[in-house]
N, C-alpha and C. Protein backbone atom coordinates (compact mmCIF):
# COMPACT_ATOMS: atom_id res chain seq x y z
N UNK A 1 0.83 -1.18 0.00
CA UNK A 1 0.00 0.00 0.00
C UNK A 1 0.88 1.25 0.00
N UNK A 2 1.75 1.33 -0.95
CA UNK A 2 2.69 2.46 -0.98
C UNK A 2 2.07 3.76 -1.47
N UNK A 3 0.97 3.70 -2.17
CA UNK A 3 0.34 4.92 -2.67
C UNK A 3 -0.39 5.69 -1.58
N UNK A 4 -0.94 5.00 -0.61
CA UNK A 4 -1.75 5.68 0.41
C UNK A 4 -1.01 6.82 1.10
N UNK A 5 0.20 6.62 1.63
CA UNK A 5 0.86 7.74 2.32
C UNK A 5 1.06 8.95 1.41
N UNK A 6 1.43 8.71 0.16
CA UNK A 6 1.66 9.81 -0.78
C UNK A 6 0.36 10.56 -1.08
N UNK A 7 -0.69 9.78 -1.32
CA UNK A 7 -1.97 10.40 -1.68
C UNK A 7 -2.57 11.16 -0.49
N UNK A 8 -2.44 10.60 0.70
CA UNK A 8 -2.97 11.29 1.87
C UNK A 8 -2.26 12.62 2.06
N UNK A 9 -0.96 12.61 1.97
CA UNK A 9 -0.19 13.85 2.13
C UNK A 9 -0.57 14.87 1.06
N UNK A 10 -0.67 14.41 -0.19
CA UNK A 10 -1.01 15.31 -1.29
C UNK A 10 -2.41 15.92 -1.10
N UNK A 11 -3.37 15.10 -0.71
CA UNK A 11 -4.73 15.61 -0.48
C UNK A 11 -4.74 16.62 0.65
N UNK A 12 -4.01 16.32 1.72
CA UNK A 12 -3.96 17.25 2.86
C UNK A 12 -3.33 18.57 2.45
N UNK A 13 -2.23 18.49 1.73
CA UNK A 13 -1.54 19.72 1.32
C UNK A 13 -2.36 20.51 0.31
N UNK A 14 -3.08 19.83 -0.57
CA UNK A 14 -3.95 20.53 -1.53
C UNK A 14 -5.00 21.36 -0.81
N UNK A 15 -5.47 20.88 0.33
CA UNK A 15 -6.47 21.62 1.10
C UNK A 15 -5.82 22.58 2.10
N UNK A 16 -4.48 22.63 2.08
CA UNK A 16 -3.72 23.52 2.97
C UNK A 16 -4.03 23.26 4.44
N UNK A 17 -4.09 21.97 4.78
CA UNK A 17 -4.35 21.56 6.15
C UNK A 17 -3.06 21.13 6.84
N UNK A 18 -2.98 21.37 8.12
CA UNK A 18 -1.89 20.79 8.90
C UNK A 18 -2.30 19.37 9.28
N UNK A 19 -1.34 18.60 9.74
CA UNK A 19 -1.66 17.25 10.22
C UNK A 19 -2.61 17.33 11.41
N UNK A 20 -2.44 18.32 12.24
CA UNK A 20 -3.32 18.50 13.40
C UNK A 20 -4.75 18.76 12.96
N UNK A 21 -4.93 19.65 11.98
CA UNK A 21 -6.27 19.97 11.49
C UNK A 21 -6.95 18.74 10.88
N UNK A 22 -6.21 17.99 10.09
CA UNK A 22 -6.79 16.78 9.50
C UNK A 22 -7.13 15.77 10.59
N UNK A 23 -6.24 15.61 11.55
CA UNK A 23 -6.51 14.70 12.66
C UNK A 23 -7.79 15.06 13.40
N UNK A 24 -7.98 16.34 13.66
CA UNK A 24 -9.20 16.79 14.34
C UNK A 24 -10.44 16.49 13.49
N UNK A 25 -10.31 16.63 12.18
CA UNK A 25 -11.45 16.41 11.28
C UNK A 25 -11.87 14.94 11.24
N UNK A 26 -10.91 14.03 11.37
CA UNK A 26 -11.25 12.60 11.28
C UNK A 26 -11.19 11.87 12.62
N UNK A 27 -10.81 12.59 13.68
CA UNK A 27 -10.86 12.02 15.02
C UNK A 27 -9.64 11.25 15.48
N UNK A 28 -8.46 11.69 15.01
CA UNK A 28 -7.21 11.07 15.48
C UNK A 28 -6.21 12.17 15.84
N UNK A 29 -5.13 11.79 16.48
CA UNK A 29 -4.11 12.75 16.86
C UNK A 29 -3.17 13.05 15.68
N UNK A 30 -2.48 14.17 15.79
CA UNK A 30 -1.52 14.57 14.75
C UNK A 30 -0.48 13.49 14.52
N UNK A 31 -0.02 12.84 15.58
CA UNK A 31 1.01 11.80 15.45
C UNK A 31 0.51 10.64 14.60
N UNK A 32 -0.77 10.35 14.67
CA UNK A 32 -1.34 9.28 13.86
C UNK A 32 -1.31 9.65 12.39
N UNK A 33 -1.68 10.88 12.08
CA UNK A 33 -1.62 11.35 10.69
C UNK A 33 -0.17 11.26 10.19
N UNK A 34 0.77 11.67 11.01
CA UNK A 34 2.19 11.62 10.63
C UNK A 34 2.61 10.19 10.33
N UNK A 35 2.17 9.24 11.13
CA UNK A 35 2.53 7.83 10.90
C UNK A 35 1.87 7.29 9.65
N UNK A 36 0.64 7.70 9.37
CA UNK A 36 -0.02 7.29 8.14
C UNK A 36 0.73 7.84 6.93
N UNK A 37 1.13 9.10 6.99
CA UNK A 37 1.81 9.74 5.87
C UNK A 37 3.22 9.20 5.66
N UNK A 38 3.84 8.70 6.70
CA UNK A 38 5.19 8.14 6.57
C UNK A 38 5.15 6.67 6.17
N UNK A 39 3.96 6.07 6.22
CA UNK A 39 3.83 4.66 5.91
C UNK A 39 4.15 3.75 7.08
N UNK A 40 4.38 4.35 8.24
CA UNK A 40 4.70 3.57 9.44
C UNK A 40 3.49 2.80 9.96
N UNK A 41 2.30 3.36 9.77
CA UNK A 41 1.05 2.72 10.21
C UNK A 41 0.03 2.80 9.09
N UNK A 42 -0.94 1.91 9.15
CA UNK A 42 -2.05 1.91 8.20
C UNK A 42 -3.34 2.08 9.00
N UNK A 43 -4.23 2.93 8.52
CA UNK A 43 -5.47 3.16 9.28
C UNK A 43 -6.40 1.95 9.26
N UNK A 44 -7.24 1.86 10.28
CA UNK A 44 -8.34 0.91 10.26
C UNK A 44 -9.33 1.35 9.19
N UNK A 45 -10.15 0.44 8.73
CA UNK A 45 -11.10 0.73 7.65
C UNK A 45 -12.00 1.92 7.98
N UNK A 46 -12.37 2.08 9.23
CA UNK A 46 -13.23 3.20 9.61
C UNK A 46 -12.60 4.54 9.22
N UNK A 47 -11.27 4.62 9.37
CA UNK A 47 -10.60 5.87 9.04
C UNK A 47 -10.42 6.05 7.54
N UNK A 48 -10.28 4.95 6.79
CA UNK A 48 -10.27 5.07 5.34
C UNK A 48 -11.59 5.68 4.88
N UNK A 49 -12.68 5.22 5.48
CA UNK A 49 -14.01 5.74 5.14
C UNK A 49 -14.10 7.23 5.48
N UNK A 50 -13.65 7.60 6.68
CA UNK A 50 -13.69 9.01 7.09
C UNK A 50 -12.84 9.88 6.16
N UNK A 51 -11.65 9.41 5.82
CA UNK A 51 -10.77 10.18 4.94
C UNK A 51 -11.38 10.33 3.55
N UNK A 52 -11.95 9.25 3.02
CA UNK A 52 -12.57 9.30 1.70
C UNK A 52 -13.73 10.30 1.69
N UNK A 53 -14.55 10.27 2.73
CA UNK A 53 -15.66 11.22 2.83
C UNK A 53 -15.13 12.65 2.95
N UNK A 54 -14.16 12.84 3.81
CA UNK A 54 -13.63 14.18 4.05
C UNK A 54 -13.07 14.80 2.78
N UNK A 55 -12.29 14.01 2.03
CA UNK A 55 -11.65 14.53 0.81
C UNK A 55 -12.51 14.34 -0.44
N UNK A 56 -13.67 13.70 -0.27
CA UNK A 56 -14.57 13.44 -1.40
C UNK A 56 -13.88 12.65 -2.51
N UNK A 57 -13.19 11.58 -2.11
CA UNK A 57 -12.55 10.66 -3.05
C UNK A 57 -12.96 9.24 -2.68
N UNK A 58 -12.67 8.30 -3.54
CA UNK A 58 -12.98 6.91 -3.24
C UNK A 58 -11.85 6.28 -2.42
N UNK A 59 -12.18 5.24 -1.71
CA UNK A 59 -11.15 4.49 -1.00
C UNK A 59 -10.18 3.89 -2.02
N UNK A 60 -10.69 3.46 -3.17
CA UNK A 60 -9.81 2.94 -4.22
C UNK A 60 -8.77 3.97 -4.62
N UNK A 61 -9.17 5.23 -4.71
CA UNK A 61 -8.20 6.28 -5.02
C UNK A 61 -7.16 6.40 -3.90
N UNK A 62 -7.62 6.42 -2.66
CA UNK A 62 -6.70 6.58 -1.53
C UNK A 62 -5.63 5.50 -1.52
N UNK A 63 -6.00 4.26 -1.86
CA UNK A 63 -5.03 3.16 -1.77
C UNK A 63 -4.31 2.87 -3.07
N UNK A 64 -4.62 3.65 -4.11
CA UNK A 64 -3.88 3.50 -5.35
C UNK A 64 -4.46 2.54 -6.37
N UNK A 65 -5.69 2.09 -6.17
CA UNK A 65 -6.32 1.19 -7.13
C UNK A 65 -6.99 1.96 -8.27
N UNK A 66 -7.13 3.24 -8.10
CA UNK A 66 -7.80 4.11 -9.06
C UNK A 66 -6.96 5.37 -9.18
N UNK A 67 -6.84 5.89 -10.38
CA UNK A 67 -5.96 7.03 -10.59
C UNK A 67 -6.63 8.39 -10.51
N UNK A 68 -7.94 8.43 -10.54
CA UNK A 68 -8.62 9.72 -10.58
C UNK A 68 -9.34 9.99 -9.27
N UNK A 69 -9.29 11.24 -8.85
CA UNK A 69 -9.98 11.65 -7.62
C UNK A 69 -11.47 11.61 -7.80
């Protein structure tokens, strides 16, 4: 799942959000967002759903199975 960290970071930066702001929006701490973006951790499915809703993209896009937002 190497695409997820890159896509998450890109989506966050496109919206000009800090890791803290994104964490507050989806209900996790800044350190969790940092670990997701570094590829150190992978979110539970509930957070993939929250992220997809928040950024208005598909989960397939987030994980790299689809190329278009």
